[in-house]
Amino acid sequence: MVRITEHQAVDELVVYGYLRGAAAPSGRLRALSSALKAYCEQHELTLSRVFTEWIDDADGSVFSSLLATLSTQQPYGVVLLSRHHLGPRDVANSRAAQITTSGTRLIAVR
């Protein structure tokens, strides 16, 4: 019989956060980042970094940086406040597929 996880040694579960939105006031950005951090702490996840993409950044360089990081670091997952943070529906579906194809879990808080 295998013991439950709480009784086994488990590797550190490293995740990256991803936020996307209009150029938000710094207070709003801090609140969004705090929500990601609180979720990770509650679920014993180590939040290594939060990637923040602004809607005005049309080139997708922030998402490309996230994908490059996923390919080299192989974290447990990417944490989002909601799938809306990946972009409009068609973009979000494509980005979600790219994240999961890399072998990384996609974790939506809401």
C-alpha atoms as a PDB file:
ATOM      1  CA  MET A   1       0.000   0.000   0.000  1.00  0.00           C
ATOM      2  CA  VAL A   2       1.268   3.476  -0.938  1.00  0.00           C
ATOM      3  CA  ARG A   3       1.066   6.185   1.696  1.00  0.00           C
ATOM      4  CA  ILE A   4      -0.729   9.441   0.989  1.00  0.00           C
ATOM      5  CA  THR A   5       1.316  12.391  -0.262  1.00  0.00           C
ATOM      6  CA  GLU A   6       1.509  14.111   3.118  1.00  0.00           C
ATOM      7  CA  HIS A   7       3.602  11.166   4.350  1.00  0.00           C
ATOM      8  CA  GLN A   8       6.005  11.069   1.413  1.00  0.00           C
ATOM      9  CA  ALA A   9       8.921  13.250   0.460  1.00  0.00           C
ATOM     10  CA  VAL A  10       7.802  15.495  -2.400  1.00  0.00           C
ATOM     11  CA  ASP A  11       9.972  17.654  -4.652  1.00  0.00           C
ATOM     12  CA  GLU A  12       9.487  21.391  -4.461  1.00  0.00           C
ATOM     13  CA  LEU A  13       6.583  22.370  -6.718  1.00  0.00           C
ATOM     14  CA  VAL A  14       7.823  25.418  -8.635  1.00  0.00           C
ATOM     15  CA  VAL A  15       5.300  27.459 -10.604  1.00  0.00           C
ATOM     16  CA  TYR A  16       5.334  30.654 -12.636  1.00  0.00           C
ATOM     17  CA  GLY A  17       2.583  33.246 -12.573  1.00  0.00           C
ATOM     18  CA  TYR A  18       1.141  34.961 -15.624  1.00  0.00           C
ATOM     19  CA  LEU A  19      -0.835  38.210 -15.610  1.00  0.00           C
ATOM     20  CA  ARG A  20      -2.203  40.135 -18.553  1.00  0.00           C
ATOM     21  CA  GLY A  21      -4.115  43.369 -18.586  1.00  0.00           C
ATOM     22  CA  ALA A  22      -4.322  47.031 -19.461  1.00  0.00           C
ATOM     23  CA  ALA A  23      -1.616  49.244 -18.077  1.00  0.00           C
ATOM     24  CA  ALA A  24      -2.864  48.949 -14.527  1.00  0.00           C
ATOM     25  CA  PRO A  25      -2.091  51.283 -11.673  1.00  0.00           C
ATOM     26  CA  SER A  26       0.685  49.864  -9.530  1.00  0.00           C
ATOM     27  CA  GLY A  27      -1.786  49.180  -6.688  1.00  0.00           C
ATOM     28  CA  ARG A  28      -3.871  46.937  -8.940  1.00  0.00           C
ATOM     29  CA  LEU A  29      -0.778  45.068 -10.134  1.00  0.00           C
ATOM     30  CA  ARG A  30       0.329  44.530  -6.529  1.00  0.00           C
ATOM     31  CA  ALA A  31      -3.139  43.194  -5.650  1.00  0.00           C
ATOM     32  CA  LEU A  32      -3.114  40.753  -8.584  1.00  0.00           C
ATOM     33  CA  SER A  33       0.393  39.569  -7.735  1.00  0.00           C
ATOM     34  CA  SER A  34      -0.592  39.200  -4.078  1.00  0.00           C
ATOM     35  CA  ALA A  35      -3.558  37.037  -5.080  1.00  0.00           C
ATOM     36  CA  LEU A  36      -1.226  34.721  -7.023  1.00  0.00           C
ATOM     37  CA  LYS A  37       1.221  34.572  -4.113  1.00  0.00           C
ATOM     38  CA  ALA A  38      -1.540  33.830  -1.603  1.00  0.00           C
ATOM     39  CA  TYR A  39      -2.913  31.005  -3.762  1.00  0.00           C
ATOM     40  CA  CYS A  40       0.553  29.479  -4.114  1.00  0.00           C
ATOM     41  CA  GLU A  41       1.248  29.692  -0.391  1.00  0.00           C
ATOM     42  CA  GLN A  42      -2.113  28.113   0.421  1.00  0.00           C
ATOM     43  CA  HIS A  43      -1.423  25.220  -1.957  1.00  0.00           C
ATOM     44  CA  GLU A  44       2.263  24.785  -1.061  1.00  0.00           C
ATOM     45  CA  LEU A  45       3.515  25.922  -4.447  1.00  0.00           C
ATOM     46  CA  THR A  46       6.724  27.908  -4.871  1.00  0.00           C
ATOM     47  CA  LEU A  47       6.033  30.967  -7.027  1.00  0.00           C
ATOM     48  CA  SER A  48       9.325  31.581  -8.784  1.00  0.00           C
ATOM     49  CA  ARG A  49       8.374  34.544 -10.964  1.00  0.00           C
ATOM     50  CA  VAL A  50       5.343  36.412 -12.290  1.00  0.00           C
ATOM     51  CA  PHE A  51       5.336  37.251 -16.005  1.00  0.00           C
ATOM     52  CA  THR A  52       3.273  40.387 -16.682  1.00  0.00           C
ATOM     53  CA  GLU A  53       2.045  41.202 -20.188  1.00  0.00           C
ATOM     54  CA  TRP A  54       0.303  44.457 -21.004  1.00  0.00           C
ATOM     55  CA  ILE A  55      -2.438  44.467 -23.640  1.00  0.00           C
ATOM     56  CA  ASP A  56      -0.475  47.165 -25.478  1.00  0.00           C
ATOM     57  CA  ASP A  57       2.419  44.683 -25.919  1.00  0.00           C
ATOM     58  CA  ALA A  58       1.195  43.314 -29.247  1.00  0.00           C
ATOM     59  CA  ASP A  59       4.368  41.371 -30.036  1.00  0.00           C
ATOM     60  CA  GLY A  60       3.751  38.635 -27.442  1.00  0.00           C
ATOM     61  CA  SER A  61       7.329  38.822 -26.196  1.00  0.00           C
ATOM     62  CA  VAL A  62       6.311  38.274 -22.563  1.00  0.00           C
ATOM     63  CA  PHE A  63       4.466  35.060 -23.441  1.00  0.00           C
ATOM     64  CA  SER A  64       7.441  33.966 -25.569  1.00  0.00           C
ATOM     65  CA  SER A  65       9.692  34.538 -22.550  1.00  0.00           C
ATOM     66  CA  LEU A  66       7.367  32.378 -20.459  1.00  0.00           C
ATOM     67  CA  LEU A  67       7.521  29.560 -23.040  1.00  0.00           C
ATOM     68  CA  ALA A  68      11.320  29.791 -23.186  1.00  0.00           C
ATOM     69  CA  THR A  69      11.467  29.564 -19.396  1.00  0.00           C
ATOM     70  CA  LEU A  70       9.124  26.550 -19.390  1.00  0.00           C
ATOM     71  CA  SER A  71      11.350  24.733 -21.875  1.00  0.00           C
ATOM     72  CA  THR A  72      14.496  25.225 -19.811  1.00  0.00           C
ATOM     73  CA  GLN A  73      13.174  25.077 -16.235  1.00  0.00           C
ATOM     74  CA  GLN A  74      10.372  22.476 -16.547  1.00  0.00           C
ATOM     75  CA  PRO A  75       8.273  23.787 -13.626  1.00  0.00           C
ATOM     76  CA  TYR A  76       5.232  22.119 -12.087  1.00  0.00           C
ATOM     77  CA  GLY A  77       2.835  24.655 -13.546  1.00  0.00           C
ATOM     78  CA  VAL A  78       1.754  28.105 -14.629  1.00  0.00           C
ATOM     79  CA  VAL A  79      -0.694  29.849 -12.305  1.00  0.00           C
ATOM     80  CA  LEU A  80      -3.289  32.296 -13.641  1.00  0.00           C
ATOM     81  CA  LEU A  81      -6.020  34.190 -11.841  1.00  0.00           C
ATOM     82  CA  SER A  82      -8.291  33.147 -14.745  1.00  0.00           C
ATOM     83  CA  ARG A  83      -7.894  31.987 -18.359  1.00  0.00           C
ATOM     84  CA  HIS A  84      -8.758  35.563 -19.326  1.00  0.00           C
ATOM     85  CA  HIS A  85      -5.146  36.444 -18.478  1.00  0.00           C
ATOM     86  CA  LEU A  86      -3.984  34.425 -21.497  1.00  0.00           C
ATOM     87  CA  GLY A  87      -5.814  36.821 -23.824  1.00  0.00           C
ATOM     88  CA  PRO A  88      -8.957  36.767 -25.972  1.00  0.00           C
ATOM     89  CA  ARG A  89     -10.597  33.336 -26.351  1.00  0.00           C
ATOM     90  CA  ASP A  90      -8.805  32.249 -29.560  1.00  0.00           C
ATOM     91  CA  VAL A  91      -5.437  33.489 -28.290  1.00  0.00           C
ATOM     92  CA  ALA A  92      -6.063  31.977 -24.843  1.00  0.00           C
ATOM     93  CA  ASN A  93      -6.876  28.564 -26.338  1.00  0.00           C
ATOM     94  CA  SER A  94      -3.702  28.591 -28.406  1.00  0.00           C
ATOM     95  CA  ARG A  95      -1.571  29.728 -25.478  1.00  0.00           C
ATOM     96  CA  ALA A  96      -3.112  27.162 -23.130  1.00  0.00           C
ATOM     97  CA  ALA A  97      -2.282  24.433 -25.648  1.00  0.00           C
ATOM     98  CA  GLN A  98       1.301  25.668 -25.922  1.00  0.00           C
ATOM     99  CA  ILE A  99       1.722  25.591 -22.148  1.00  0.00           C
ATOM    100  CA  THR A 100       0.252  22.117 -21.683  1.00  0.00           C
ATOM    101  CA  THR A 101       2.111  20.731 -24.711  1.00  0.00           C
ATOM    102  CA  SER A 102       5.324  21.689 -22.940  1.00  0.00           C
ATOM    103  CA  GLY A 103       4.315  19.255 -20.165  1.00  0.00           C
ATOM    104  CA  THR A 104       3.454  22.034 -17.741  1.00  0.00           C
ATOM    105  CA  ARG A 105       0.179  22.188 -15.821  1.00  0.00           C
ATOM    106  CA  LEU A 106      -2.079  25.174 -16.323  1.00  0.00           C
ATOM    107  CA  ILE A 107      -3.623  26.206 -12.998  1.00  0.00           C
ATOM    108  CA  ALA A 108      -6.464  28.735 -13.017  1.00  0.00           C
ATOM    109  CA  VAL A 109      -7.213  30.133  -9.566  1.00  0.00           C
ATOM    110  CA  ARG A 110     -10.820  31.051 -10.487  1.00  0.00           C
END
